Amino acid sequence: MKVVSHKFSHTPYFNDIKDRKSIHNKIKELTDKGLGYRKIHSILIKEGFDIGKSPSCVYSMIKKLEKRDKILSQKTIVELGKIEVKLLRV
């Protein structure tokens, strides 16, 4: 049997991100509206989110969110190969 899954490899994407969930949701929402990372940064600052001073931090967050979604949405593949059964007489 062969199991191919992202769940067997160590990745930081399985870590709990509850404290940053609100800002991640807001970034996804604004990205879906077609806004750029500079505009998203200014909106987040106006709304009082805890974000870095540079707009490039939003850009890196967007890239990390995309990679996280890509990794966590993979399918788990299970394949059955050659199976041998032997009978032993005692």
C-alpha atoms as a PDB file:
ATOM      1  CA  MET A   1       0.000   0.000   0.000  1.00  0.00           C
ATOM      2  CA  LYS A   2       1.260   3.452  -0.862  1.00  0.00           C
ATOM      3  CA  VAL A   3      -0.101   6.582   0.794  1.00  0.00           C
ATOM      4  CA  VAL A   4       0.809   9.986  -0.599  1.00  0.00           C
ATOM      5  CA  SER A   5      -0.257  12.832   1.640  1.00  0.00           C
ATOM      6  CA  HIS A   6       0.868  16.256   2.772  1.00  0.00           C
ATOM      7  CA  LYS A   7      -0.318  15.314   6.259  1.00  0.00           C
ATOM      8  CA  PHE A   8       2.752  13.138   6.915  1.00  0.00           C
ATOM      9  CA  SER A   9       5.298  15.895   6.371  1.00  0.00           C
ATOM     10  CA  HIS A  10       6.111  18.530   8.952  1.00  0.00           C
ATOM     11  CA  THR A  11       4.865  21.918   7.857  1.00  0.00           C
ATOM     12  CA  PRO A  12       4.136  25.129   9.731  1.00  0.00           C
ATOM     13  CA  TYR A  13       0.818  25.371   7.880  1.00  0.00           C
ATOM     14  CA  PHE A  14      -0.823  23.012  10.403  1.00  0.00           C
ATOM     15  CA  ASN A  15      -0.061  25.412  13.264  1.00  0.00           C
ATOM     16  CA  ASP A  16      -2.909  27.274  14.935  1.00  0.00           C
ATOM     17  CA  ILE A  17      -3.404  30.812  13.567  1.00  0.00           C
ATOM     18  CA  LYS A  18      -6.464  31.928  15.552  1.00  0.00           C
ATOM     19  CA  ASP A  19      -4.841  35.178  16.672  1.00  0.00           C
ATOM     20  CA  ARG A  20      -4.241  36.271  13.036  1.00  0.00           C
ATOM     21  CA  LYS A  21      -7.429  34.847  11.532  1.00  0.00           C
ATOM     22  CA  SER A  22      -9.261  38.194  11.426  1.00  0.00           C
ATOM     23  CA  ILE A  23      -6.508  39.961   9.507  1.00  0.00           C
ATOM     24  CA  HIS A  24      -6.122  36.992   7.143  1.00  0.00           C
ATOM     25  CA  ASN A  25      -9.854  37.018   6.400  1.00  0.00           C
ATOM     26  CA  LYS A  26      -9.770  40.771   5.743  1.00  0.00           C
ATOM     27  CA  ILE A  27      -6.770  40.419   3.410  1.00  0.00           C
ATOM     28  CA  LYS A  28      -8.500  37.601   1.488  1.00  0.00           C
ATOM     29  CA  GLU A  29     -11.680  39.676   1.233  1.00  0.00           C
ATOM     30  CA  LEU A  30      -9.833  42.728  -0.123  1.00  0.00           C
ATOM     31  CA  THR A  31      -7.713  40.626  -2.480  1.00  0.00           C
ATOM     32  CA  ASP A  32     -10.879  39.031  -3.897  1.00  0.00           C
ATOM     33  CA  LYS A  33     -12.158  42.547  -4.626  1.00  0.00           C
ATOM     34  CA  GLY A  34      -9.073  43.075  -6.794  1.00  0.00           C
ATOM     35  CA  LEU A  35      -7.195  45.526  -4.595  1.00  0.00           C
ATOM     36  CA  GLY A  36      -3.402  45.657  -4.622  1.00  0.00           C
ATOM     37  CA  TYR A  37      -1.236  45.078  -1.584  1.00  0.00           C
ATOM     38  CA  ARG A  38      -0.464  48.795  -1.130  1.00  0.00           C
ATOM     39  CA  LYS A  39      -4.143  49.715  -1.017  1.00  0.00           C
ATOM     40  CA  ILE A  40      -4.872  46.770   1.286  1.00  0.00           C
ATOM     41  CA  HIS A  41      -2.116  47.973   3.629  1.00  0.00           C
ATOM     42  CA  SER A  42      -3.582  51.462   3.847  1.00  0.00           C
ATOM     43  CA  ILE A  43      -7.075  50.060   4.531  1.00  0.00           C
ATOM     44  CA  LEU A  44      -5.749  47.767   7.270  1.00  0.00           C
ATOM     45  CA  ILE A  45      -3.932  50.671   8.934  1.00  0.00           C
ATOM     46  CA  LYS A  46      -7.093  52.815   8.824  1.00  0.00           C
ATOM     47  CA  GLU A  47      -9.143  49.999  10.376  1.00  0.00           C
ATOM     48  CA  GLY A  48      -6.622  49.577  13.205  1.00  0.00           C
ATOM     49  CA  PHE A  49      -5.200  46.136  12.414  1.00  0.00           C
ATOM     50  CA  ASP A  50      -1.815  45.182  13.876  1.00  0.00           C
ATOM     51  CA  ILE A  51       0.287  45.284  10.706  1.00  0.00           C
ATOM     52  CA  GLY A  52       3.848  46.282   9.842  1.00  0.00           C
ATOM     53  CA  LYS A  53       4.814  49.740   8.615  1.00  0.00           C
ATOM     54  CA  SER A  54       5.716  48.630   5.103  1.00  0.00           C
ATOM     55  CA  PRO A  55       3.142  47.577   2.479  1.00  0.00           C
ATOM     56  CA  SER A  56       5.465  44.754   1.480  1.00  0.00           C
ATOM     57  CA  CYS A  57       4.472  42.890   4.660  1.00  0.00           C
ATOM     58  CA  VAL A  58       0.957  42.577   3.201  1.00  0.00           C
ATOM     59  CA  TYR A  59       2.439  41.295  -0.047  1.00  0.00           C
ATOM     60  CA  SER A  60       4.359  38.567   1.795  1.00  0.00           C
ATOM     61  CA  MET A  61       1.243  37.681   3.818  1.00  0.00           C
ATOM     62  CA  ILE A  62      -0.749  37.271   0.596  1.00  0.00           C
ATOM     63  CA  LYS A  63       1.892  34.938  -0.840  1.00  0.00           C
ATOM     64  CA  LYS A  64       2.030  32.884   2.379  1.00  0.00           C
ATOM     65  CA  LEU A  65      -1.781  32.620   2.477  1.00  0.00           C
ATOM     66  CA  GLU A  66      -1.832  31.398  -1.133  1.00  0.00           C
ATOM     67  CA  LYS A  67       0.829  28.786  -0.390  1.00  0.00           C
ATOM     68  CA  ARG A  68      -1.006  27.691   2.771  1.00  0.00           C
ATOM     69  CA  ASP A  69      -4.258  27.217   0.825  1.00  0.00           C
ATOM     70  CA  LYS A  70      -2.424  25.302  -1.900  1.00  0.00           C
ATOM     71  CA  ILE A  71      -0.775  22.909   0.558  1.00  0.00           C
ATOM     72  CA  LEU A  72      -3.794  22.322   2.789  1.00  0.00           C
ATOM     73  CA  SER A  73      -6.172  21.705  -0.128  1.00  0.00           C
ATOM     74  CA  GLN A  74      -4.170  18.792  -1.572  1.00  0.00           C
ATOM     75  CA  LYS A  75      -5.837  15.433  -1.991  1.00  0.00           C
ATOM     76  CA  THR A  76      -4.700  12.386  -0.069  1.00  0.00           C
ATOM     77  CA  ILE A  77      -3.928   9.532  -2.447  1.00  0.00           C
ATOM     78  CA  VAL A  78      -4.046   5.888  -1.380  1.00  0.00           C
ATOM     79  CA  GLU A  79      -2.860   3.212  -3.807  1.00  0.00           C
ATOM     80  CA  LEU A  80      -2.942  -0.529  -3.309  1.00  0.00           C
ATOM     81  CA  GLY A  81      -0.096  -2.415  -4.910  1.00  0.00           C
ATOM     82  CA  LYS A  82       0.989  -6.019  -4.925  1.00  0.00           C
ATOM     83  CA  ILE A  83      -0.385  -7.885  -1.921  1.00  0.00           C
ATOM     84  CA  GLU A  84       1.014 -11.270  -0.990  1.00  0.00           C
ATOM     85  CA  VAL A  85      -0.700 -13.755   1.296  1.00  0.00           C
ATOM     86  CA  LYS A  86       1.236 -16.742   2.655  1.00  0.00           C
ATOM     87  CA  LEU A  87      -0.222 -19.653   4.609  1.00  0.00           C
ATOM     88  CA  LEU A  88       2.005 -21.221   7.199  1.00  0.00           C
ATOM     89  CA  ARG A  89       1.218 -24.676   8.609  1.00  0.00           C
ATOM     90  CA  VAL A  90       2.335 -25.321  12.105  1.00  0.00           C
END
